[in-house]
Amino acid sequence: MYFDSHAHYDSRQFDADRDELLSSLPGMGVEGVIDPGCDGESSRLALEIAERHDFVYAAVGWHPQEWESWTAESLGEIRALARHPKAVAIGEIGLDYYWDREHKPLQEEMLRAQLELAIELDMPVIIHDRDAHADCLRITLEYPALRGVFHCFSGSAQMAEQLLRAGWYLGFDGPITYKNARRNLEALAVCPLERLLIETDSPYLTPEPNRGKRNDSSQLRYVVQKAAVVKGVSEEAVAAATAENARRLFGLL
């Protein structure tokens, strides 16, 4: 059984068949899904989806790309949403310098506010780090009480080792199946099974051999297959370990 630790079923790309698709996933071996919000609206939708499907849980947070909608009231909105019984993490939060380098101070302000909220609420965090490795590492390590996952990990093996020593989990998804995946695979190689999460980032990052199509949690098997080869264990061992890791991190044991 697979646990998809990061999938955006609140995305408009699922509007036509969202509930039908989600209802089919347990029959395809998917035992759990975390749907992370990216702002107030998507966090509320993630919670609504989680209410309709027992095996779906939500994270609530403000993504760095959504800086334009961040206001003085946003943190209070996330705090209120985090009280929902199906809210299991603060996320997706972090830094993104790929799309926006002009608002680094605001992105950092958003990130720190939500990290401190997670500590206040004793909840794990889901970190988005795109082209911002040094700053994400520096900031998160300033909060030793934090626990969480660096989603879609794209840093170096050395960065992975620093995060692992600090108790973080690392999430891997479709890119480990791509031909140019050398850096991703180096990081995966140093990540022990007990700190590994698998994810899809649906509807994005579809693994080979279906790259270019809409992604969903049924595609996890390709991520598991590649991870099993890299780790030198069976696919069943990867699936079992990553499902247990997700349940432990998100308080679902």
Protein backbone atom coordinates (compact mmCIF):
# COMPACT_ATOMS: atom_id res chain seq x y z
CA MET A 1 0.00 0.00 0.00
CA TYR A 2 1.24 3.47 -0.93
CA PHE A 3 0.99 6.76 0.94
CA ASP A 4 1.13 9.87 -1.26
CA SER A 5 2.55 12.49 1.07
CA HIS A 6 1.98 15.41 -1.33
CA ALA A 7 -0.78 15.72 -3.94
CA HIS A 8 -2.80 18.80 -4.92
CA TYR A 9 -6.27 17.37 -5.52
CA ASP A 10 -7.61 20.87 -4.90
CA SER A 11 -6.13 21.82 -8.30
CA ARG A 12 -8.55 22.86 -11.02
CA GLN A 13 -7.09 20.10 -13.18
CA PHE A 14 -9.16 17.67 -11.12
CA ASP A 15 -12.45 19.57 -11.27
CA ALA A 16 -14.00 17.22 -13.83
CA ASP A 17 -13.35 13.93 -12.00
CA ARG A 18 -11.93 14.70 -8.54
CA ASP A 19 -14.19 12.59 -6.33
CA GLU A 20 -14.43 9.75 -8.84
CA LEU A 21 -10.64 9.55 -9.08
CA LEU A 22 -10.10 9.78 -5.34
CA SER A 23 -12.69 7.08 -4.68
CA SER A 24 -10.79 4.76 -7.01
CA LEU A 25 -7.39 5.16 -5.36
CA PRO A 26 -7.77 2.67 -2.45
CA GLY A 27 -8.51 0.00 -5.04
CA MET A 28 -5.17 0.85 -6.66
CA GLY A 29 -3.24 0.41 -3.45
CA VAL A 30 -3.21 3.99 -2.15
CA GLU A 31 -3.85 4.03 1.59
CA GLY A 32 -3.30 7.72 2.30
CA VAL A 33 -2.92 11.15 0.70
CA ILE A 34 -1.85 14.54 2.07
CA ASP A 35 -3.31 17.48 0.12
CA PRO A 36 -1.38 20.67 0.96
CA GLY A 37 -2.97 24.07 0.53
CA CYS A 38 -1.15 27.02 -1.05
CA ASP A 39 -3.26 29.90 0.32
CA GLY A 40 -6.45 30.37 2.30
CA GLU A 41 -8.81 29.29 -0.48
CA SER A 42 -6.89 26.16 -1.52
CA SER A 43 -6.33 25.19 2.12
CA ARG A 44 -10.10 25.32 2.72
CA LEU A 45 -10.71 23.25 -0.41
CA ALA A 46 -8.12 20.68 0.70
CA LEU A 47 -9.98 20.34 4.00
CA GLU A 48 -13.31 19.94 2.19
CA ILE A 49 -11.82 17.15 0.07
CA ALA A 50 -10.41 15.49 3.18
CA GLU A 51 -13.84 15.60 4.80
CA ARG A 52 -15.29 13.62 1.88
CA HIS A 53 -12.59 10.93 1.75
CA ASP A 54 -11.47 9.10 4.90
CA PHE A 55 -7.93 8.41 3.63
CA VAL A 56 -7.24 12.02 2.56
CA TYR A 57 -5.77 14.58 4.95
CA ALA A 58 -4.94 18.23 4.46
CA ALA A 59 -2.11 20.61 5.20
CA VAL A 60 -2.86 24.32 5.44
CA GLY A 61 -0.47 27.10 4.55
CA TRP A 62 0.60 29.94 2.25
CA HIS A 63 2.95 29.04 -0.61
CA PRO A 64 5.75 31.55 -1.39
CA GLN A 65 4.41 32.09 -4.93
CA GLU A 66 1.20 33.40 -3.36
CA TRP A 67 2.95 36.39 -1.73
CA GLU A 68 0.58 38.85 -3.42
CA SER A 69 -2.39 37.54 -1.41
CA TRP A 70 -0.54 37.41 1.94
CA THR A 71 -1.97 40.00 4.34
CA ALA A 72 -1.92 40.81 8.03
CA GLU A 73 -4.88 38.44 8.45
CA SER A 74 -3.38 35.46 6.62
CA LEU A 75 -1.58 33.89 9.57
CA GLY A 76 -4.74 34.01 11.67
CA GLU A 77 -6.62 32.35 8.83
CA ILE A 78 -4.13 29.49 8.72
CA ARG A 79 -4.21 29.17 12.52
CA ALA A 80 -8.00 28.79 12.41
CA LEU A 81 -7.91 26.25 9.55
CA ALA A 82 -5.24 24.22 11.37
CA ARG A 83 -7.76 23.47 14.12
CA HIS A 84 -9.74 21.27 11.72
CA PRO A 85 -9.47 17.58 12.72
CA LYS A 86 -8.28 16.59 9.22
CA ALA A 87 -5.50 19.23 9.17
CA VAL A 88 -2.22 17.43 9.89
CA ALA A 89 0.51 19.90 8.87
CA ILE A 90 1.37 23.50 8.01
CA GLY A 91 2.18 23.64 4.32
CA GLU A 92 2.96 24.07 1.57
CA ILE A 93 5.32 26.82 2.72
CA GLY A 94 8.87 27.80 1.88
CA LEU A 95 10.91 29.84 -0.56
CA ASP A 96 10.81 29.96 -4.36
CA TYR A 97 13.48 31.97 -6.16
CA TYR A 98 12.80 30.33 -9.53
CA TRP A 99 9.66 32.38 -10.13
CA ASP A 100 10.38 35.39 -7.96
CA ARG A 101 13.66 36.86 -6.71
CA GLU A 102 12.32 40.37 -6.12
CA HIS A 103 10.38 39.59 -2.95
CA LYS A 104 12.87 37.51 -0.97
CA PRO A 105 12.31 39.48 2.27
CA LEU A 106 8.54 38.98 2.05
CA GLN A 107 8.92 35.29 1.27
CA GLU A 108 11.17 34.92 4.31
CA GLU A 109 8.68 36.81 6.48
CA MET A 110 5.89 34.46 5.35
CA LEU A 111 8.02 31.40 5.95
CA ARG A 112 9.18 32.39 9.42
CA ALA A 113 5.67 33.32 10.53
CA GLN A 114 4.34 29.92 9.49
CA LEU A 115 7.29 27.99 10.94
CA GLU A 116 6.68 29.70 14.27
CA LEU A 117 2.97 28.89 13.99
CA ALA A 118 3.81 25.22 13.42
CA ILE A 119 5.94 25.20 16.56
CA GLU A 120 3.17 26.93 18.50
CA LEU A 121 0.63 24.34 17.33
CA ASP A 122 3.06 21.40 17.54
CA MET A 123 2.47 20.47 13.90
CA PRO A 124 4.88 19.30 11.20
CA VAL A 125 5.65 21.46 8.17
CA ILE A 126 5.85 20.79 4.44
CA ILE A 127 8.67 22.82 2.89
CA HIS A 128 8.76 24.03 -0.73
CA ASP A 129 12.35 24.83 -1.75
CA ARG A 130 12.97 25.85 -5.34
CA ASP A 131 16.30 27.46 -6.23
CA ALA A 132 16.52 28.63 -2.61
CA HIS A 133 18.52 25.82 -1.01
CA ALA A 134 20.93 27.91 1.08
CA ASP A 135 18.23 30.14 2.56
CA CYS A 136 15.77 27.30 3.20
CA LEU A 137 18.45 25.30 4.96
CA ARG A 138 19.66 28.27 6.99
CA ILE A 139 16.20 29.35 8.12
CA THR A 140 14.78 25.93 8.98
CA LEU A 141 17.86 24.94 10.97
CA GLU A 142 17.35 28.04 13.11
CA TYR A 143 14.25 26.30 14.52
CA PRO A 144 15.48 23.03 16.06
CA ALA A 145 12.00 22.30 17.46
CA LEU A 146 10.62 21.95 13.93
CA ARG A 147 9.79 18.63 12.32
CA GLY A 148 8.68 18.09 8.76
CA VAL A 149 9.57 17.23 5.19
CA PHE A 150 11.41 18.96 2.38
CA HIS A 151 8.95 18.15 -0.37
CA CYS A 152 10.23 17.27 -3.88
CA PHE A 153 13.77 17.40 -2.56
CA SER A 154 16.13 18.89 -5.16
CA GLY A 155 19.14 19.85 -3.06
CA SER A 156 22.55 18.20 -2.97
CA ALA A 157 23.48 15.04 -1.11
CA GLN A 158 25.39 17.24 1.33
CA MET A 159 22.28 19.32 2.05
CA ALA A 160 20.29 16.12 2.46
CA GLU A 161 22.75 14.88 5.05
CA GLN A 162 22.48 18.13 7.02
CA LEU A 163 18.70 17.94 7.08
CA LEU A 164 18.72 14.26 7.98
CA ARG A 165 21.02 14.91 10.94
CA ALA A 166 18.50 17.53 12.11
CA GLY A 167 15.66 14.99 11.96
CA TRP A 168 13.95 16.06 8.73
CA TYR A 169 12.24 13.79 6.22
CA LEU A 170 12.88 14.08 2.47
CA GLY A 171 10.15 13.68 -0.15
CA PHE A 172 10.88 12.26 -3.60
CA ASP A 173 8.60 12.09 -6.62
CA GLY A 174 8.51 11.83 -10.41
CA PRO A 175 11.83 13.57 -11.15
CA ILE A 176 13.82 10.62 -9.76
CA THR A 177 12.60 8.68 -12.82
CA TYR A 178 13.84 11.28 -15.33
CA LYS A 179 16.99 10.87 -17.40
CA ASN A 180 18.64 13.96 -15.87
CA ALA A 181 18.00 12.81 -12.30
CA ARG A 182 21.65 12.47 -11.18
CA ARG A 183 21.44 15.06 -8.37
CA ASN A 184 18.08 13.73 -7.16
CA LEU A 185 19.40 10.18 -7.09
CA GLU A 186 22.52 11.19 -5.16
CA ALA A 187 20.31 12.71 -2.47
CA LEU A 188 18.03 9.68 -2.48
CA ALA A 189 21.04 7.40 -2.04
CA VAL A 190 22.02 9.05 1.26
CA CYS A 191 18.47 9.13 2.64
CA PRO A 192 17.76 6.13 4.88
CA LEU A 193 14.44 4.34 4.44
CA GLU A 194 13.23 5.59 7.83
CA ARG A 195 13.46 9.24 6.63
CA LEU A 196 12.06 8.75 3.12
CA LEU A 197 8.64 9.86 1.87
CA ILE A 198 7.20 9.29 -1.58
CA GLU A 199 4.86 11.73 -3.27
CA THR A 200 3.42 12.71 -6.63
CA ASP A 201 2.90 16.50 -6.41
CA SER A 202 -0.18 15.75 -8.53
CA PRO A 203 -1.20 16.99 -11.02
CA TYR A 204 2.46 17.88 -11.70
CA LEU A 205 5.77 15.99 -12.08
CA THR A 206 4.35 12.84 -13.64
CA PRO A 207 6.97 10.07 -13.62
CA GLU A 208 8.25 8.17 -16.60
CA PRO A 209 6.79 6.50 -18.60
CA ASN A 210 3.80 8.87 -18.43
CA ARG A 211 5.66 12.18 -18.24
CA GLY A 212 3.64 14.99 -19.81
CA LYS A 213 0.26 13.61 -18.70
CA ARG A 214 -1.72 14.65 -15.63
CA ASN A 215 -0.30 13.02 -12.54
CA ASP A 216 -2.25 11.27 -9.77
CA SER A 217 -1.50 8.95 -6.88
CA SER A 218 -1.82 5.80 -8.98
CA GLN A 219 1.55 6.77 -10.49
CA LEU A 220 3.36 6.27 -7.18
CA ARG A 221 4.37 2.79 -8.24
CA TYR A 222 6.93 4.22 -10.68
CA VAL A 223 8.49 6.34 -7.95
CA VAL A 224 8.60 3.32 -5.65
CA GLN A 225 10.17 1.17 -8.38
CA LYS A 226 13.01 3.64 -8.89
CA ALA A 227 13.54 4.19 -5.17
CA ALA A 228 13.74 0.42 -4.63
CA VAL A 229 16.51 0.13 -7.23
CA VAL A 230 18.49 2.99 -5.69
CA LYS A 231 18.09 1.70 -2.13
CA GLY A 232 18.71 -1.94 -3.06
CA VAL A 233 15.53 -3.23 -1.43
CA SER A 234 12.20 -4.56 -2.63
CA GLU A 235 9.39 -2.33 -3.83
CA GLU A 236 7.27 -3.72 -1.00
CA ALA A 237 9.87 -2.58 1.53
CA VAL A 238 9.91 0.96 0.10
CA ALA A 239 6.11 1.15 0.03
CA ALA A 240 5.77 -0.13 3.60
CA ALA A 241 8.51 2.07 5.05
CA THR A 242 7.35 5.26 3.35
CA ALA A 243 3.73 4.68 4.36
CA GLU A 244 4.78 4.20 7.99
CA ASN A 245 7.01 7.29 7.81
CA ALA A 246 4.10 9.39 6.54
CA ARG A 247 1.78 8.14 9.25
CA ARG A 248 4.42 8.87 11.90
CA LEU A 249 5.31 12.35 10.66
CA PHE A 250 1.69 13.44 10.25
CA GLY A 251 0.44 11.86 13.49
CA LEU A 252 -1.69 9.18 11.86
CA LEU A 253 -0.34 6.08 13.63
